[in-house]
């Protein structure tokens, strides 16, 4: 609720990542991927991971920098 996410639209498992897709009051959909840090490994980058990252991924919180490294590798 703090992020303005009004309604959970879907929860789906994508291997090591669980997708949670929400809608906002304006109709914008926000997708969050929740999973272990090993999903972001860069040696090599999994083709599915590359597709997700290059398709518009935006980091909200990356305390250790592992996701920034993944974005740079893609």
C-alpha atoms as a PDB file:
ATOM      1  CA  UNK A   1       0.000   0.000   0.000  1.00  0.00           C
ATOM      2  CA  UNK A   2       2.903   2.377   0.718  1.00  0.00           C
ATOM      3  CA  UNK A   3       3.918   2.165  -2.943  1.00  0.00           C
ATOM      4  CA  UNK A   4       0.405   2.994  -4.149  1.00  0.00           C
ATOM      5  CA  UNK A   5      -0.186  -0.555  -5.344  1.00  0.00           C
ATOM      6  CA  UNK A   6      -3.908  -1.062  -5.050  1.00  0.00           C
ATOM      7  CA  UNK A   7      -4.712  -4.516  -6.300  1.00  0.00           C
ATOM      8  CA  UNK A   8      -2.757  -7.745  -6.736  1.00  0.00           C
ATOM      9  CA  UNK A   9      -3.447  -8.865 -10.296  1.00  0.00           C
ATOM     10  CA  UNK A  10      -1.390 -12.033 -10.399  1.00  0.00           C
ATOM     11  CA  UNK A  11       1.244 -14.127  -8.700  1.00  0.00           C
ATOM     12  CA  UNK A  12       3.222 -16.493 -10.925  1.00  0.00           C
ATOM     13  CA  UNK A  13       6.352 -18.581 -10.519  1.00  0.00           C
ATOM     14  CA  UNK A  14       9.092 -18.211 -13.139  1.00  0.00           C
ATOM     15  CA  UNK A  15      11.691 -20.696 -11.940  1.00  0.00           C
ATOM     16  CA  UNK A  16      13.617 -19.065  -9.116  1.00  0.00           C
ATOM     17  CA  UNK A  17      11.621 -15.814  -9.368  1.00  0.00           C
ATOM     18  CA  UNK A  18       8.078 -15.210  -8.165  1.00  0.00           C
ATOM     19  CA  UNK A  19       6.282 -12.491 -10.092  1.00  0.00           C
ATOM     20  CA  UNK A  20       3.821 -10.267  -8.274  1.00  0.00           C
ATOM     21  CA  UNK A  21       1.905  -7.928 -10.554  1.00  0.00           C
ATOM     22  CA  UNK A  22      -0.123  -5.070  -9.096  1.00  0.00           C
ATOM     23  CA  UNK A  23      -2.277  -2.276 -10.469  1.00  0.00           C
ATOM     24  CA  UNK A  24      -2.275   1.311  -9.255  1.00  0.00           C
ATOM     25  CA  UNK A  25      -5.240   3.668  -8.962  1.00  0.00           C
ATOM     26  CA  UNK A  26      -4.265   5.217 -12.313  1.00  0.00           C
ATOM     27  CA  UNK A  27      -4.300   1.806 -14.032  1.00  0.00           C
ATOM     28  CA  UNK A  28      -0.514   1.465 -14.285  1.00  0.00           C
ATOM     29  CA  UNK A  29       0.684  -2.113 -13.756  1.00  0.00           C
ATOM     30  CA  UNK A  30       3.776  -2.741 -11.651  1.00  0.00           C
ATOM     31  CA  UNK A  31       5.548  -6.086 -11.730  1.00  0.00           C
ATOM     32  CA  UNK A  32       7.933  -7.159  -8.993  1.00  0.00           C
ATOM     33  CA  UNK A  33      10.233 -10.148  -9.144  1.00  0.00           C
ATOM     34  CA  UNK A  34      11.047 -11.740  -5.801  1.00  0.00           C
ATOM     35  CA  UNK A  35      13.758 -14.366  -5.553  1.00  0.00           C
ATOM     36  CA  UNK A  36      17.264 -15.292  -4.452  1.00  0.00           C
ATOM     37  CA  UNK A  37      20.306 -13.235  -5.424  1.00  0.00           C
ATOM     38  CA  UNK A  38      21.630 -16.195  -7.447  1.00  0.00           C
ATOM     39  CA  UNK A  39      19.008 -15.349 -10.093  1.00  0.00           C
ATOM     40  CA  UNK A  40      21.133 -12.327 -11.003  1.00  0.00           C
ATOM     41  CA  UNK A  41      24.316 -14.262 -11.785  1.00  0.00           C
ATOM     42  CA  UNK A  42      26.205 -12.882 -14.758  1.00  0.00           C
ATOM     43  CA  UNK A  43      28.476 -15.761 -15.740  1.00  0.00           C
ATOM     44  CA  UNK A  44      26.633 -16.465 -17.956  1.00  0.00           C
ATOM     45  CA  UNK A  45      23.401 -14.487 -18.015  1.00  0.00           C
ATOM     46  CA  UNK A  46      20.453 -16.830 -18.576  1.00  0.00           C
ATOM     47  CA  UNK A  47      18.588 -15.971 -21.839  1.00  0.00           C
ATOM     48  CA  UNK A  48      15.275 -15.562 -19.980  1.00  0.00           C
ATOM     49  CA  UNK A  49      16.899 -13.285 -17.431  1.00  0.00           C
ATOM     50  CA  UNK A  50      18.452 -11.192 -20.218  1.00  0.00           C
ATOM     51  CA  UNK A  51      15.027 -10.827 -21.876  1.00  0.00           C
ATOM     52  CA  UNK A  52      13.465  -9.597 -18.617  1.00  0.00           C
ATOM     53  CA  UNK A  53      16.301  -7.207 -17.799  1.00  0.00           C
ATOM     54  CA  UNK A  54      16.484  -5.658 -21.278  1.00  0.00           C
ATOM     55  CA  UNK A  55      12.684  -5.431 -21.464  1.00  0.00           C
ATOM     56  CA  UNK A  56      12.476  -2.535 -19.047  1.00  0.00           C
ATOM     57  CA  UNK A  57      13.655  -3.666 -15.610  1.00  0.00           C
ATOM     58  CA  UNK A  58      13.996  -0.848 -13.074  1.00  0.00           C
ATOM     59  CA  UNK A  59      15.740  -1.284  -9.753  1.00  0.00           C
ATOM     60  CA  UNK A  60      13.919  -0.160  -6.642  1.00  0.00           C
ATOM     61  CA  UNK A  61      16.375  -1.443  -4.065  1.00  0.00           C
ATOM     62  CA  UNK A  62      19.822  -2.937  -4.671  1.00  0.00           C
ATOM     63  CA  UNK A  63      21.740  -2.744  -1.415  1.00  0.00           C
ATOM     64  CA  UNK A  64      24.639  -4.948  -2.595  1.00  0.00           C
ATOM     65  CA  UNK A  65      24.847  -3.818  -6.234  1.00  0.00           C
ATOM     66  CA  UNK A  66      24.270  -7.325  -7.634  1.00  0.00           C
ATOM     67  CA  UNK A  67      21.331  -6.188  -9.783  1.00  0.00           C
ATOM     68  CA  UNK A  68      23.256  -3.192 -11.098  1.00  0.00           C
ATOM     69  CA  UNK A  69      25.961  -5.655 -12.183  1.00  0.00           C
ATOM     70  CA  UNK A  70      23.323  -7.726 -13.973  1.00  0.00           C
ATOM     71  CA  UNK A  71      21.946  -4.688 -15.794  1.00  0.00           C
ATOM     72  CA  UNK A  72      25.462  -3.724 -16.865  1.00  0.00           C
ATOM     73  CA  UNK A  73      26.117  -7.264 -18.157  1.00  0.00           C
ATOM     74  CA  UNK A  74      23.034  -7.170 -20.344  1.00  0.00           C
END
